[in-house]
Amino acid sequence: MATKWNLDPTHSEITFKVKHMMISNIKGNFRTFNAEIEADDDTFTNAKTTATIQTDSVFTNNTDRDNHLKSAEFFNAEEYPSITFESQALNDKITGNLTVNGVTKPITLDVDFGGINVDPWGNTKAGFSFEGKINRKDFGLNWNAALEAGGVMVSEEVKIAGELQFVKQA
């Protein structure tokens, strides 16, 4: 029988980084997301993973940029309120289907299993770190602007990362 693990959102984060004007990186995160794991055992080898990110929770510390990212030129948060990820196996890599803007594509992320520990309140927790990259154009995030000196405003490659803690359910 599979054990369910629910995300501990206060000890988790999902971040992204994209090259801006070909000279520096802009970082951001999503403030509202949820995930769960169903695992046969504490190795998580055959774990089923699902995650949902609310697109209107994107935060880059700049209101104008955040509103642009929420617009139809990027995440189109009104029409596509969530990004989803589903996977059937979890080990040092996780491969699953990522859906952004109604487009579903397989992606693979590197995973580091931090281990399992019990917090001071008796909750059993598991920790994972992940990182990888996607091409935003694969998901219909096509907006860009040419720069006068050559190049473009926003790179196609987006680096994504996360630190996630899960709580074992009874």
Protein backbone atom coordinates (compact mmCIF):
# COMPACT_ATOMS: atom_id res chain seq x y z
CA MET A 1 0.00 0.00 0.00
CA ALA A 2 1.37 3.39 -1.02
CA THR A 3 2.16 6.06 1.52
CA LYS A 4 1.06 9.61 0.79
CA TRP A 5 3.38 12.55 1.41
CA ASN A 6 1.97 16.12 1.30
CA LEU A 7 4.00 19.23 0.59
CA ASP A 8 5.05 21.38 3.53
CA PRO A 9 4.67 24.77 1.78
CA THR A 10 6.32 26.79 4.57
CA HIS A 11 9.57 24.90 3.99
CA SER A 12 9.45 24.68 0.20
CA GLU A 13 10.18 26.92 -2.77
CA ILE A 14 10.11 26.80 -6.56
CA THR A 15 12.35 29.28 -8.37
CA PHE A 16 13.36 30.16 -11.92
CA LYS A 17 16.11 32.13 -13.58
CA VAL A 18 16.26 33.53 -17.11
CA LYS A 19 18.89 35.55 -18.95
CA HIS A 20 17.81 39.17 -19.51
CA MET A 21 19.26 41.26 -22.34
CA MET A 22 21.90 38.52 -22.73
CA ILE A 23 23.95 40.09 -19.92
CA SER A 24 22.47 39.08 -16.56
CA ASN A 25 19.93 36.78 -14.94
CA ILE A 26 16.54 37.69 -13.53
CA LYS A 27 15.27 35.41 -10.78
CA GLY A 28 11.75 34.76 -9.65
CA ASN A 29 9.59 32.30 -7.81
CA PHE A 30 6.07 31.07 -7.47
CA ARG A 31 4.46 31.84 -4.14
CA THR A 32 1.50 29.42 -4.38
CA PHE A 33 1.97 25.76 -5.28
CA ASN A 34 1.15 22.31 -4.01
CA ALA A 35 2.58 18.84 -4.51
CA GLU A 36 2.17 15.32 -3.26
CA ILE A 37 4.00 12.04 -3.53
CA GLU A 38 2.62 8.52 -3.33
CA ALA A 39 5.43 6.07 -2.57
CA ASP A 40 5.63 2.32 -1.97
CA ASP A 41 8.51 2.79 0.49
CA ASP A 42 10.94 5.37 1.87
CA THR A 43 13.30 5.05 -1.11
CA PHE A 44 10.70 6.82 -3.33
CA THR A 45 11.96 4.78 -6.32
CA ASN A 46 8.53 4.11 -7.81
CA ALA A 47 6.88 7.22 -6.42
CA LYS A 48 4.07 8.98 -8.22
CA THR A 49 4.51 12.74 -8.01
CA THR A 50 2.04 15.50 -8.84
CA ALA A 51 2.47 19.25 -8.52
CA THR A 52 0.36 22.31 -9.30
CA ILE A 53 1.69 25.88 -9.45
CA GLN A 54 -0.64 28.90 -9.55
CA THR A 55 0.56 31.09 -12.43
CA ASP A 56 -0.76 34.30 -10.90
CA SER A 57 1.57 33.74 -7.91
CA VAL A 58 4.68 34.52 -10.00
CA PHE A 59 6.94 36.96 -8.14
CA THR A 60 10.10 38.67 -9.43
CA ASN A 61 10.15 41.63 -7.02
CA ASN A 62 8.91 43.96 -9.77
CA THR A 63 5.16 44.55 -10.13
CA ASP A 64 5.30 45.61 -13.80
CA ARG A 65 7.35 42.55 -14.76
CA ASP A 66 5.10 40.26 -12.69
CA ASN A 67 2.00 41.65 -14.42
CA HIS A 68 3.68 41.15 -17.82
CA LEU A 69 4.48 37.52 -16.91
CA LYS A 70 0.84 36.97 -15.90
CA SER A 71 -0.41 38.46 -19.20
CA ALA A 72 -1.29 36.61 -22.41
CA GLU A 73 2.25 37.31 -23.69
CA PHE A 74 3.63 34.81 -21.15
CA PHE A 75 1.70 32.63 -18.65
CA ASN A 76 -1.77 33.88 -19.61
CA ALA A 77 -2.82 33.37 -15.99
CA GLU A 78 -6.46 34.22 -16.69
CA GLU A 79 -6.89 31.41 -19.24
CA TYR A 80 -4.31 29.00 -17.73
CA PRO A 81 -4.40 29.49 -13.95
CA SER A 82 -2.02 26.63 -13.22
CA ILE A 83 1.13 24.85 -14.30
CA THR A 84 1.14 21.10 -13.61
CA PHE A 85 3.73 18.37 -13.38
CA GLU A 86 3.11 14.61 -13.15
CA SER A 87 5.66 11.81 -12.88
CA GLN A 88 5.61 8.06 -12.25
CA ALA A 89 9.16 7.53 -10.91
CA LEU A 90 11.53 9.45 -8.67
CA ASN A 91 15.25 8.81 -8.13
CA ASP A 92 18.33 10.92 -8.96
CA LYS A 93 16.31 12.20 -11.91
CA ILE A 94 12.60 12.74 -12.33
CA THR A 95 10.97 12.60 -15.74
CA GLY A 96 7.41 13.69 -16.12
CA ASN A 97 4.93 15.74 -18.06
CA LEU A 98 4.98 19.50 -17.56
CA THR A 99 1.95 21.48 -18.71
CA VAL A 100 2.27 25.24 -19.22
CA ASN A 101 -0.23 27.33 -21.22
CA GLY A 102 -2.13 24.18 -22.15
CA VAL A 103 0.99 22.64 -23.75
CA THR A 104 2.25 19.35 -22.27
CA LYS A 105 5.83 18.21 -22.82
CA PRO A 106 8.08 15.67 -21.09
CA ILE A 107 10.94 17.13 -19.04
CA THR A 108 13.69 15.63 -16.92
CA LEU A 109 15.03 17.26 -13.76
CA ASP A 110 18.00 16.34 -11.58
CA VAL A 111 16.93 15.39 -8.05
CA ASP A 112 18.83 15.22 -4.78
CA PHE A 113 17.05 13.28 -2.04
CA GLY A 114 18.04 14.98 1.22
CA GLY A 115 16.72 12.20 3.42
CA ILE A 116 14.02 11.64 5.99
CA ASN A 117 13.87 13.06 9.50
CA VAL A 118 11.33 13.67 12.27
CA ASP A 119 10.65 17.26 13.35
CA PRO A 120 10.20 18.30 17.02
CA TRP A 121 6.42 17.84 16.71
CA GLY A 122 6.65 14.21 15.61
CA ASN A 123 6.07 14.78 11.87
CA THR A 124 8.11 12.57 9.53
CA LYS A 125 9.48 14.69 6.70
CA ALA A 126 11.35 14.00 3.47
CA GLY A 127 13.41 16.60 1.65
CA PHE A 128 14.23 16.95 -2.05
CA SER A 129 16.11 19.46 -4.17
CA PHE A 130 15.63 19.62 -7.93
CA GLU A 131 17.01 21.59 -10.83
CA GLY A 132 16.86 21.58 -14.58
CA LYS A 133 16.10 23.72 -17.57
CA ILE A 134 13.40 24.05 -20.17
CA ASN A 135 12.96 25.97 -23.40
CA ARG A 136 10.12 28.40 -22.74
CA LYS A 137 9.14 28.45 -26.43
CA ASP A 138 8.30 24.74 -26.19
CA PHE A 139 5.38 25.85 -24.00
CA GLY A 140 4.17 28.78 -26.08
CA LEU A 141 5.99 31.46 -24.07
CA ASN A 142 7.15 33.22 -27.22
CA TRP A 143 7.25 36.94 -26.40
CA ASN A 144 10.57 38.63 -27.02
CA ALA A 145 12.10 41.86 -28.27
CA ALA A 146 15.18 42.34 -30.44
CA LEU A 147 17.95 44.46 -28.96
CA GLU A 148 19.56 47.27 -30.90
CA ALA A 149 23.06 45.86 -30.34
CA GLY A 150 21.93 42.36 -31.33
CA GLY A 151 20.41 39.52 -29.39
CA VAL A 152 17.08 39.40 -27.62
CA MET A 153 15.54 40.68 -24.41
CA VAL A 154 14.73 37.27 -22.85
CA SER A 155 16.58 33.98 -23.41
CA GLU A 156 14.68 30.89 -24.49
CA GLU A 157 16.32 28.79 -21.76
CA VAL A 158 14.76 28.95 -18.31
CA LYS A 159 16.53 27.34 -15.37
CA ILE A 160 14.15 25.95 -12.76
CA ALA A 161 14.92 24.75 -9.24
CA GLY A 162 13.18 23.81 -6.06
CA GLU A 163 13.62 22.91 -2.42
CA LEU A 164 10.73 20.77 -1.26
CA GLN A 165 9.79 19.21 2.06
CA PHE A 166 7.02 16.65 2.33
CA VAL A 167 5.15 15.41 5.40
CA LYS A 168 4.34 11.71 5.67
CA GLN A 169 0.62 11.09 6.11
CA ALA A 170 -0.70 8.50 8.57
